[in-house]
């Protein structure tokens, strides 16, 4: 087999493997299908979780995990895992991680493609949410100083009172 043929086979195998990994990771094979709130919760939990449980997230476990955060991620009307996701609910959910988007039509149904687009477009904000806002044990990163206790607190460089 010539080098060119080997390279072509290698490229074909890599393309096939990447397609299989993408299909196993999310409901990406059906981009035009409307996503429900439970499926979106799974994608959301995967996007911000430091570590996914060994058994993976289900709609119910993802909702429980998101609701159990120090600052719970839940829609204004609560989770309805089997209900279709609307832009209004999606916008309400992503604002929890600091993503402010305006829906073109709040009552429009969100497709799998649009949901995946949001997670890919704002990947950095989702990944940094836990790092910047919560510790591994789900406590906040805020430090509370006892009144009068300034040990270890140093002023900003160049600060003069």
N, C-alpha and C. Protein backbone atom coordinates (compact mmCIF):
# COMPACT_ATOMS: atom_id res chain seq x y z
N UNK A 1 0.85 -1.18 0.00
CA UNK A 1 0.00 0.00 0.00
C UNK A 1 0.90 1.24 0.00
N UNK A 2 0.60 2.17 -0.84
CA UNK A 2 1.42 3.37 -0.95
C UNK A 2 1.11 4.31 0.22
N UNK A 3 2.00 5.23 0.41
CA UNK A 3 1.85 6.21 1.50
C UNK A 3 0.58 7.02 1.33
N UNK A 4 0.24 7.36 0.10
CA UNK A 4 -0.95 8.17 -0.17
C UNK A 4 -2.22 7.40 0.20
N UNK A 5 -2.25 6.11 -0.11
CA UNK A 5 -3.41 5.28 0.24
C UNK A 5 -3.53 5.13 1.76
N UNK A 6 -2.41 4.92 2.42
CA UNK A 6 -2.41 4.81 3.89
C UNK A 6 -2.95 6.08 4.54
N UNK A 7 -2.50 7.19 4.02
CA UNK A 7 -2.97 8.46 4.56
C UNK A 7 -4.47 8.62 4.34
N UNK A 8 -4.96 8.26 3.17
CA UNK A 8 -6.40 8.34 2.87
C UNK A 8 -7.21 7.45 3.80
N UNK A 9 -6.73 6.24 4.05
CA UNK A 9 -7.42 5.33 4.96
C UNK A 9 -7.43 5.90 6.37
N UNK A 10 -6.32 6.45 6.81
CA UNK A 10 -6.23 7.04 8.14
C UNK A 10 -7.21 8.19 8.29
N UNK A 11 -7.30 9.05 7.30
CA UNK A 11 -8.23 10.18 7.34
C UNK A 11 -9.67 9.67 7.41
N UNK A 12 -10.00 8.67 6.61
CA UNK A 12 -11.35 8.11 6.61
C UNK A 12 -11.71 7.52 7.97
N UNK A 13 -10.77 6.81 8.58
CA UNK A 13 -11.01 6.23 9.91
C UNK A 13 -11.22 7.33 10.94
N UNK A 14 -10.41 8.36 10.91
CA UNK A 14 -10.55 9.46 11.86
C UNK A 14 -11.88 10.18 11.72
N UNK A 15 -12.32 10.40 10.49
CA UNK A 15 -13.61 11.05 10.25
C UNK A 15 -14.74 10.18 10.80
N UNK A 16 -14.68 8.89 10.54
CA UNK A 16 -15.70 7.97 11.04
C UNK A 16 -15.72 7.93 12.56
N UNK A 17 -14.55 7.90 13.18
CA UNK A 17 -14.48 7.88 14.66
C UNK A 17 -15.03 9.16 15.25
N UNK A 18 -14.73 10.30 14.67
CA UNK A 18 -15.23 11.57 15.20
C UNK A 18 -16.75 11.64 15.07
N UNK A 19 -17.30 11.09 14.00
CA UNK A 19 -18.75 11.07 13.83
C UNK A 19 -19.40 10.18 14.88
N UNK A 20 -18.79 9.04 15.17
CA UNK A 20 -19.33 8.14 16.19
C UNK A 20 -19.28 8.77 17.58
N UNK A 21 -18.18 9.45 17.90
CA UNK A 21 -18.06 10.11 19.20
C UNK A 21 -19.09 11.22 19.33
N UNK A 22 -19.28 12.00 18.30
CA UNK A 22 -20.26 13.10 18.34
C UNK A 22 -21.67 12.57 18.52
N UNK A 23 -21.99 11.45 17.88
CA UNK A 23 -23.34 10.92 17.99
C UNK A 23 -23.59 10.33 19.37
N UNK A 24 -22.58 9.80 20.02
CA UNK A 24 -22.76 9.21 21.34
C UNK A 24 -22.84 10.28 22.41
N UNK A 25 -22.27 11.45 22.15
CA UNK A 25 -22.18 12.50 23.16
C UNK A 25 -23.45 13.32 23.31
N UNK A 26 -24.20 13.51 22.26
CA UNK A 26 -25.39 14.36 22.32
C UNK A 26 -26.37 13.95 21.23
N UNK A 27 -27.59 14.46 21.32
CA UNK A 27 -28.56 14.11 20.28
C UNK A 27 -28.32 14.89 18.99
N UNK A 28 -27.06 14.93 18.54
CA UNK A 28 -26.70 15.76 17.39
C UNK A 28 -27.10 15.17 16.04
N UNK A 29 -27.47 13.89 16.02
CA UNK A 29 -27.83 13.29 14.74
C UNK A 29 -29.15 13.78 14.19
N UNK A 30 -29.96 14.38 15.03
CA UNK A 30 -31.27 14.86 14.59
C UNK A 30 -31.36 16.38 14.80
N UNK A 31 -30.59 17.14 14.05
CA UNK A 31 -30.50 18.58 14.30
C UNK A 31 -31.82 19.34 14.18
N UNK A 32 -32.76 18.86 13.36
CA UNK A 32 -34.02 19.57 13.17
C UNK A 32 -35.09 19.21 14.18
N UNK A 33 -34.84 18.19 15.00
CA UNK A 33 -35.82 17.76 15.99
C UNK A 33 -35.87 18.75 17.15
N UNK A 34 -37.06 18.96 17.70
CA UNK A 34 -37.22 19.85 18.86
C UNK A 34 -36.69 19.13 20.09
N UNK A 35 -35.87 19.82 20.86
CA UNK A 35 -35.29 19.26 22.08
C UNK A 35 -36.23 19.51 23.24
N UNK A 36 -36.31 18.56 24.17
CA UNK A 36 -37.16 18.79 25.34
C UNK A 36 -36.30 19.31 26.51
N UNK A 37 -36.95 19.77 27.56
CA UNK A 37 -36.23 20.36 28.68
C UNK A 37 -35.28 19.37 29.36
N UNK A 38 -35.67 18.11 29.42
CA UNK A 38 -34.82 17.10 30.03
C UNK A 38 -33.53 16.88 29.26
N UNK A 39 -33.63 16.82 27.93
CA UNK A 39 -32.43 16.68 27.11
C UNK A 39 -31.53 17.90 27.24
N UNK A 40 -32.15 19.08 27.31
CA UNK A 40 -31.38 20.30 27.48
C UNK A 40 -30.69 20.31 28.84
N UNK A 41 -31.37 19.80 29.87
CA UNK A 41 -30.77 19.73 31.21
C UNK A 41 -29.53 18.85 31.19
N UNK A 42 -29.58 17.74 30.45
CA UNK A 42 -28.42 16.85 30.34
C UNK A 42 -27.26 17.59 29.67
N UNK A 43 -27.53 18.28 28.57
CA UNK A 43 -26.48 19.05 27.89
C UNK A 43 -25.93 20.14 28.79
N UNK A 44 -26.82 20.80 29.53
CA UNK A 44 -26.41 21.89 30.43
C UNK A 44 -25.52 21.35 31.55
N UNK A 45 -25.95 20.25 32.17
CA UNK A 45 -25.16 19.67 33.26
C UNK A 45 -23.79 19.22 32.75
N UNK A 46 -23.76 18.60 31.57
CA UNK A 46 -22.48 18.18 30.99
C UNK A 46 -21.58 19.39 30.72
N UNK A 47 -22.19 20.49 30.31
CA UNK A 47 -21.41 21.68 29.95
C UNK A 47 -20.75 22.33 31.15
N UNK A 48 -21.38 22.27 32.32
CA UNK A 48 -20.79 22.96 33.48
C UNK A 48 -20.23 22.02 34.54
N UNK A 49 -20.48 20.73 34.45
CA UNK A 49 -20.01 19.81 35.48
C UNK A 49 -18.50 19.66 35.43
N UNK A 50 -17.90 19.62 36.60
CA UNK A 50 -16.47 19.35 36.68
C UNK A 50 -16.21 17.90 36.28
N UNK A 51 -17.11 17.01 36.70
CA UNK A 51 -16.96 15.60 36.40
C UNK A 51 -18.35 14.99 36.29
N UNK A 52 -18.59 14.34 35.17
CA UNK A 52 -19.89 13.69 34.97
C UNK A 52 -19.90 12.40 35.79
N UNK A 53 -21.06 12.05 36.37
CA UNK A 53 -21.13 10.79 37.11
C UNK A 53 -20.76 9.61 36.22
N UNK A 54 -20.25 8.54 36.82
CA UNK A 54 -19.82 7.37 36.06
C UNK A 54 -20.95 6.81 35.19
N UNK A 55 -22.17 6.85 35.71
CA UNK A 55 -23.31 6.32 34.96
C UNK A 55 -23.87 7.34 33.97
N UNK A 56 -23.29 8.53 33.93
CA UNK A 56 -23.75 9.58 33.03
C UNK A 56 -24.97 10.30 33.58
N UNK A 57 -25.35 11.36 32.93
CA UNK A 57 -26.53 12.11 33.34
C UNK A 57 -27.76 11.60 32.59
N UNK A 58 -28.86 11.48 33.31
CA UNK A 58 -30.16 11.27 32.70
C UNK A 58 -30.91 12.58 32.87
N UNK A 59 -32.06 12.72 32.29
CA UNK A 59 -32.83 13.95 32.44
C UNK A 59 -33.08 14.23 33.92
N UNK A 60 -33.52 13.21 34.67
CA UNK A 60 -33.83 13.41 36.09
C UNK A 60 -32.60 13.69 36.92
N UNK A 61 -31.50 12.97 36.67
CA UNK A 61 -30.30 13.21 37.47
C UNK A 61 -29.68 14.57 37.14
N UNK A 62 -29.76 14.99 35.88
CA UNK A 62 -29.23 16.30 35.50
C UNK A 62 -30.03 17.42 36.17
N UNK A 63 -31.36 17.29 36.17
CA UNK A 63 -32.21 18.29 36.83
C UNK A 63 -31.90 18.33 38.33
N UNK A 64 -31.78 17.16 38.95
CA UNK A 64 -31.47 17.12 40.39
C UNK A 64 -30.12 17.76 40.66
N UNK A 65 -29.13 17.49 39.80
CA UNK A 65 -27.80 18.07 39.99
C UNK A 65 -27.84 19.58 39.82
N UNK A 66 -28.53 20.07 38.79
CA UNK A 66 -28.62 21.51 38.55
C UNK A 66 -29.39 22.21 39.68
N UNK A 67 -30.44 21.58 40.19
CA UNK A 67 -31.20 22.16 41.30
C UNK A 67 -30.42 22.11 42.60
N UNK A 68 -29.46 21.20 42.71
CA UNK A 68 -28.69 21.06 43.94
C UNK A 68 -27.49 21.99 44.04
N UNK A 69 -27.22 22.75 43.02
CA UNK A 69 -26.10 23.69 43.07
C UNK A 69 -26.38 24.78 44.10
N UNK A 70 -25.31 25.38 44.62
CA UNK A 70 -25.45 26.47 45.58
C UNK A 70 -26.36 27.56 45.04
N UNK A 71 -26.22 27.85 43.76
CA UNK A 71 -27.10 28.77 43.06
C UNK A 71 -27.85 27.93 42.03
N UNK A 72 -29.03 27.40 42.39
CA UNK A 72 -29.72 26.44 41.51
C UNK A 72 -30.00 26.98 40.11
N UNK A 73 -29.84 26.10 39.13
CA UNK A 73 -30.15 26.43 37.75
C UNK A 73 -31.50 25.77 37.46
N UNK A 74 -32.52 26.59 37.40
CA UNK A 74 -33.86 26.08 37.17
C UNK A 74 -34.68 27.14 36.43
N UNK A 75 -35.56 26.71 35.55
CA UNK A 75 -36.40 27.69 34.85
C UNK A 75 -37.37 28.37 35.82
N UNK A 76 -37.89 29.52 35.45
CA UNK A 76 -38.81 30.27 36.31
C UNK A 76 -40.04 29.43 36.69
N UNK A 77 -40.53 28.62 35.76
CA UNK A 77 -41.72 27.80 36.02
C UNK A 77 -41.36 26.39 36.47
N UNK A 78 -40.11 26.13 36.79
CA UNK A 78 -39.67 24.79 37.19
C UNK A 78 -39.41 23.91 35.97
N UNK A 79 -38.73 22.81 36.21
CA UNK A 79 -38.39 21.88 35.13
C UNK A 79 -39.60 21.04 34.74
N UNK A 80 -39.79 20.91 33.45
CA UNK A 80 -40.81 20.02 32.89
C UNK A 80 -40.06 19.19 31.85
N UNK A 81 -39.41 18.12 32.31
CA UNK A 81 -38.42 17.41 31.49
C UNK A 81 -38.94 16.89 30.16
N UNK A 82 -40.21 16.56 30.08
CA UNK A 82 -40.71 16.02 28.80
C UNK A 82 -41.33 17.10 27.90
N UNK A 83 -41.40 18.33 28.41
CA UNK A 83 -41.97 19.42 27.61
C UNK A 83 -40.94 19.96 26.62
N UNK A 84 -41.40 20.37 25.44
CA UNK A 84 -40.48 20.97 24.46
C UNK A 84 -39.85 22.24 25.04
N UNK A 85 -38.60 22.46 24.70
CA UNK A 85 -37.89 23.64 25.17
C UNK A 85 -38.23 24.82 24.28
N UNK A 86 -38.62 25.94 24.89
CA UNK A 86 -38.87 27.17 24.14
C UNK A 86 -37.67 28.10 24.30
N UNK A 87 -37.58 29.07 23.41
CA UNK A 87 -36.49 30.05 23.53
C UNK A 87 -36.58 30.79 24.86
N UNK A 88 -37.78 31.08 25.33
CA UNK A 88 -37.96 31.78 26.60
C UNK A 88 -37.31 31.00 27.75
N UNK A 89 -37.56 29.70 27.81
CA UNK A 89 -36.99 28.87 28.88
C UNK A 89 -35.49 28.76 28.71
N UNK A 90 -35.00 28.58 27.47
CA UNK A 90 -33.57 28.47 27.24
C UNK A 90 -32.84 29.74 27.69
N UNK A 91 -33.39 30.89 27.33
CA UNK A 91 -32.79 32.17 27.73
C UNK A 91 -32.79 32.31 29.25
N UNK A 92 -33.87 31.88 29.89
CA UNK A 92 -33.97 31.92 31.34
C UNK A 92 -32.90 31.04 31.99
N UNK A 93 -32.62 29.90 31.40
CA UNK A 93 -31.63 28.98 31.96
C UNK A 93 -30.19 29.46 31.77
N UNK A 94 -29.85 29.91 30.56
CA UNK A 94 -28.46 30.28 30.31
C UNK A 94 -28.06 31.57 31.03
N UNK A 95 -29.03 32.37 31.45
CA UNK A 95 -28.67 33.58 32.20
C UNK A 95 -28.03 33.23 33.55
N UNK A 96 -28.26 32.01 34.04
CA UNK A 96 -27.66 31.58 35.31
C UNK A 96 -26.15 31.51 35.23
N UNK A 97 -25.60 31.33 34.04
CA UNK A 97 -24.15 31.28 33.89
C UNK A 97 -23.62 32.57 33.26
N UNK A 98 -24.44 33.61 33.24
CA UNK A 98 -24.00 34.92 32.78
C UNK A 98 -24.13 35.15 31.29
N UNK A 99 -24.89 34.32 30.61
CA UNK A 99 -25.08 34.49 29.16
C UNK A 99 -26.40 35.22 28.94
N UNK A 100 -26.29 36.40 28.40
CA UNK A 100 -27.49 37.20 28.15
C UNK A 100 -27.74 37.19 26.64
N UNK A 101 -28.80 36.51 26.25
CA UNK A 101 -29.21 36.51 24.85
C UNK A 101 -30.67 36.89 24.78
N UNK A 102 -31.05 37.43 23.68
CA UNK A 102 -32.43 37.87 23.49
C UNK A 102 -33.09 36.96 22.46
N UNK A 103 -34.20 36.32 22.84
CA UNK A 103 -34.84 35.41 21.88
C UNK A 103 -35.51 36.18 20.75
N UNK A 104 -35.42 35.62 19.55
CA UNK A 104 -36.10 36.24 18.42
C UNK A 104 -37.60 36.06 18.54
N UNK A 105 -38.02 34.93 19.08
CA UNK A 105 -39.43 34.64 19.33
C UNK A 105 -39.49 33.79 20.60
N UNK A 106 -39.85 34.37 21.74
CA UNK A 106 -39.83 33.64 23.02
C UNK A 106 -40.61 32.32 23.02
N UNK A 107 -41.63 32.21 22.20
CA UNK A 107 -42.44 30.99 22.18
C UNK A 107 -41.98 29.98 21.14
N UNK A 108 -40.93 30.32 20.39
CA UNK A 108 -40.42 29.40 19.37
C UNK A 108 -39.79 28.19 20.04
N UNK A 109 -39.97 27.02 19.42
CA UNK A 109 -39.38 25.80 19.95
C UNK A 109 -37.91 25.73 19.55
N UNK A 110 -37.09 25.20 20.44
CA UNK A 110 -35.65 25.11 20.22
C UNK A 110 -35.33 23.73 19.64
N UNK A 111 -34.59 23.74 18.55
CA UNK A 111 -34.18 22.48 17.93
C UNK A 111 -32.88 21.99 18.58
N UNK A 112 -32.56 20.74 18.33
CA UNK A 112 -31.30 20.17 18.81
C UNK A 112 -30.12 20.99 18.28
N UNK A 113 -30.21 21.39 17.02
CA UNK A 113 -29.13 22.18 16.41
C UNK A 113 -28.93 23.50 17.13
N UNK A 114 -30.04 24.20 17.43
CA UNK A 114 -29.92 25.49 18.11
C UNK A 114 -29.37 25.32 19.52
N UNK A 115 -29.81 24.29 20.23
CA UNK A 115 -29.30 24.03 21.58
C UNK A 115 -27.81 23.75 21.54
N UNK A 116 -27.38 22.89 20.62
CA UNK A 116 -25.95 22.60 20.50
C UNK A 116 -25.16 23.84 20.11
N UNK A 117 -25.74 24.69 19.29
CA UNK A 117 -25.08 25.93 18.89
C UNK A 117 -24.82 26.82 20.11
N UNK A 118 -25.80 26.93 20.99
CA UNK A 118 -25.63 27.75 22.20
C UNK A 118 -24.50 27.19 23.05
N UNK A 119 -24.47 25.87 23.24
CA UNK A 119 -23.41 25.28 24.07
C UNK A 119 -22.04 25.42 23.44
N UNK A 120 -21.98 25.33 22.12
CA UNK A 120 -20.68 25.48 21.46
C UNK A 120 -20.24 26.95 21.41
N UNK A 121 -21.19 27.83 21.15
CA UNK A 121 -20.87 29.26 21.04
C UNK A 121 -20.39 29.84 22.37
N UNK A 122 -21.01 29.40 23.46
CA UNK A 122 -20.69 29.94 24.79
C UNK A 122 -19.96 28.93 25.66
N UNK A 123 -19.21 28.04 25.04
CA UNK A 123 -18.51 26.98 25.75
C UNK A 123 -17.67 27.50 26.91
N UNK A 124 -16.96 28.59 26.68
CA UNK A 124 -16.08 29.13 27.72
C UNK A 124 -16.86 29.56 28.96
N UNK A 125 -17.99 30.24 28.77
CA UNK A 125 -18.79 30.67 29.93
C UNK A 125 -19.32 29.47 30.70
N UNK A 126 -19.75 28.44 30.00
CA UNK A 126 -20.24 27.24 30.69
C UNK A 126 -19.12 26.58 31.47
N UNK A 127 -17.96 26.41 30.86
CA UNK A 127 -16.83 25.74 31.53
C UNK A 127 -16.33 26.54 32.72
N UNK A 128 -16.34 27.85 32.62
CA UNK A 128 -15.81 28.68 33.71
C UNK A 128 -16.81 28.91 34.83
N UNK A 129 -18.08 28.63 34.59
CA UNK A 129 -19.09 28.89 35.62
C UNK A 129 -18.74 28.21 36.94
N UNK A 130 -18.49 26.93 36.91
CA UNK A 130 -18.16 26.20 38.13
C UNK A 130 -16.82 26.67 38.67
N UNK A 131 -15.84 26.86 37.82
CA UNK A 131 -14.51 27.26 38.27
C UNK A 131 -14.52 28.59 39.02
N UNK A 132 -15.30 29.53 38.54
CA UNK A 132 -15.30 30.85 39.14
C UNK A 132 -16.36 31.04 40.22
N UNK A 133 -17.41 30.25 40.21
CA UNK A 133 -18.50 30.50 41.12
C UNK A 133 -18.67 29.50 42.25
N UNK A 134 -18.25 28.29 42.04
CA UNK A 134 -18.45 27.27 43.06
C UNK A 134 -17.17 26.47 43.28
N UNK A 135 -17.01 25.98 44.50
CA UNK A 135 -15.93 25.06 44.80
C UNK A 135 -16.41 23.65 44.50
N UNK A 136 -15.51 22.70 44.54
CA UNK A 136 -15.86 21.32 44.24
C UNK A 136 -16.96 20.81 45.17
N UNK A 137 -16.94 21.28 46.43
CA UNK A 137 -17.96 20.82 47.39
C UNK A 137 -19.25 21.62 47.30
N UNK A 138 -19.40 22.44 46.24
CA UNK A 138 -20.62 23.20 45.98
C UNK A 138 -20.78 24.41 46.89
N UNK A 139 -19.73 24.78 47.65
CA UNK A 139 -19.80 26.00 48.44
C UNK A 139 -19.38 27.16 47.55
N UNK A 140 -19.73 28.37 47.94
CA UNK A 140 -19.38 29.51 47.10
C UNK A 140 -17.92 29.88 47.28
N UNK A 141 -17.39 30.64 46.35
CA UNK A 141 -16.00 31.07 46.43
C UNK A 141 -15.82 32.35 47.23
N UNK A 142 -16.90 32.85 47.80
CA UNK A 142 -16.81 34.07 48.59
C UNK A 142 -16.06 33.81 49.89
N UNK A 143 -15.25 34.76 50.29
CA UNK A 143 -14.56 34.67 51.56
C UNK A 143 -15.18 35.66 52.52
N UNK A 144 -15.54 35.18 53.70
CA UNK A 144 -16.16 36.04 54.70
C UNK A 144 -15.14 36.29 55.79
N UNK A 145 -14.85 37.56 56.04
CA UNK A 145 -13.91 37.93 57.09
C UNK A 145 -14.69 38.31 58.34
N UNK A 146 -14.19 37.84 59.48
CA UNK A 146 -14.80 38.27 60.73
C UNK A 146 -14.51 39.75 60.91
N UNK A 147 -15.43 40.46 61.56
CA UNK A 147 -15.26 41.89 61.74
C UNK A 147 -13.97 42.18 62.51
N UNK A 148 -13.16 43.04 61.94
CA UNK A 148 -11.91 43.42 62.59
C UNK A 148 -10.75 42.49 62.27
N UNK A 149 -11.00 41.37 61.66
CA UNK A 149 -9.94 40.42 61.34
C UNK A 149 -9.46 40.68 59.92
N UNK A 150 -8.32 41.35 59.80
CA UNK A 150 -7.78 41.65 58.48
C UNK A 150 -6.46 40.92 58.24
N UNK A 151 -6.20 39.89 59.02
CA UNK A 151 -4.97 39.13 58.85
C UNK A 151 -4.95 38.50 57.47
N UNK A 152 -3.89 38.68 56.77
CA UNK A 152 -3.75 38.06 55.47
C UNK A 152 -4.39 38.87 54.34
N UNK A 153 -5.08 39.95 54.67
CA UNK A 153 -5.68 40.77 53.63
C UNK A 153 -4.71 41.88 53.31
N UNK A 154 -4.27 41.95 52.06
CA UNK A 154 -3.31 42.97 51.67
C UNK A 154 -3.97 43.92 50.67
N UNK A 155 -3.61 45.18 50.72
CA UNK A 155 -4.21 46.13 49.78
C UNK A 155 -3.69 45.87 48.36
N UNK A 156 -4.45 46.37 47.43
CA UNK A 156 -4.05 46.28 46.02
C UNK A 156 -2.76 47.09 45.86
N UNK A 157 -1.86 46.60 45.04
CA UNK A 157 -0.59 47.25 44.81
C UNK A 157 -0.77 48.73 44.47
N UNK A 158 -0.07 49.57 45.17
CA UNK A 158 -0.13 51.00 44.91
C UNK A 158 -1.28 51.70 45.64
N UNK A 159 -2.09 50.99 46.38
CA UNK A 159 -3.22 51.59 47.08
C UNK A 159 -2.74 52.40 48.27
N UNK A 160 -3.24 53.61 48.38
CA UNK A 160 -2.95 54.48 49.52
C UNK A 160 -4.28 55.00 50.06
N UNK A 161 -4.56 54.75 51.34
CA UNK A 161 -5.85 55.24 51.89
C UNK A 161 -5.90 56.74 52.02
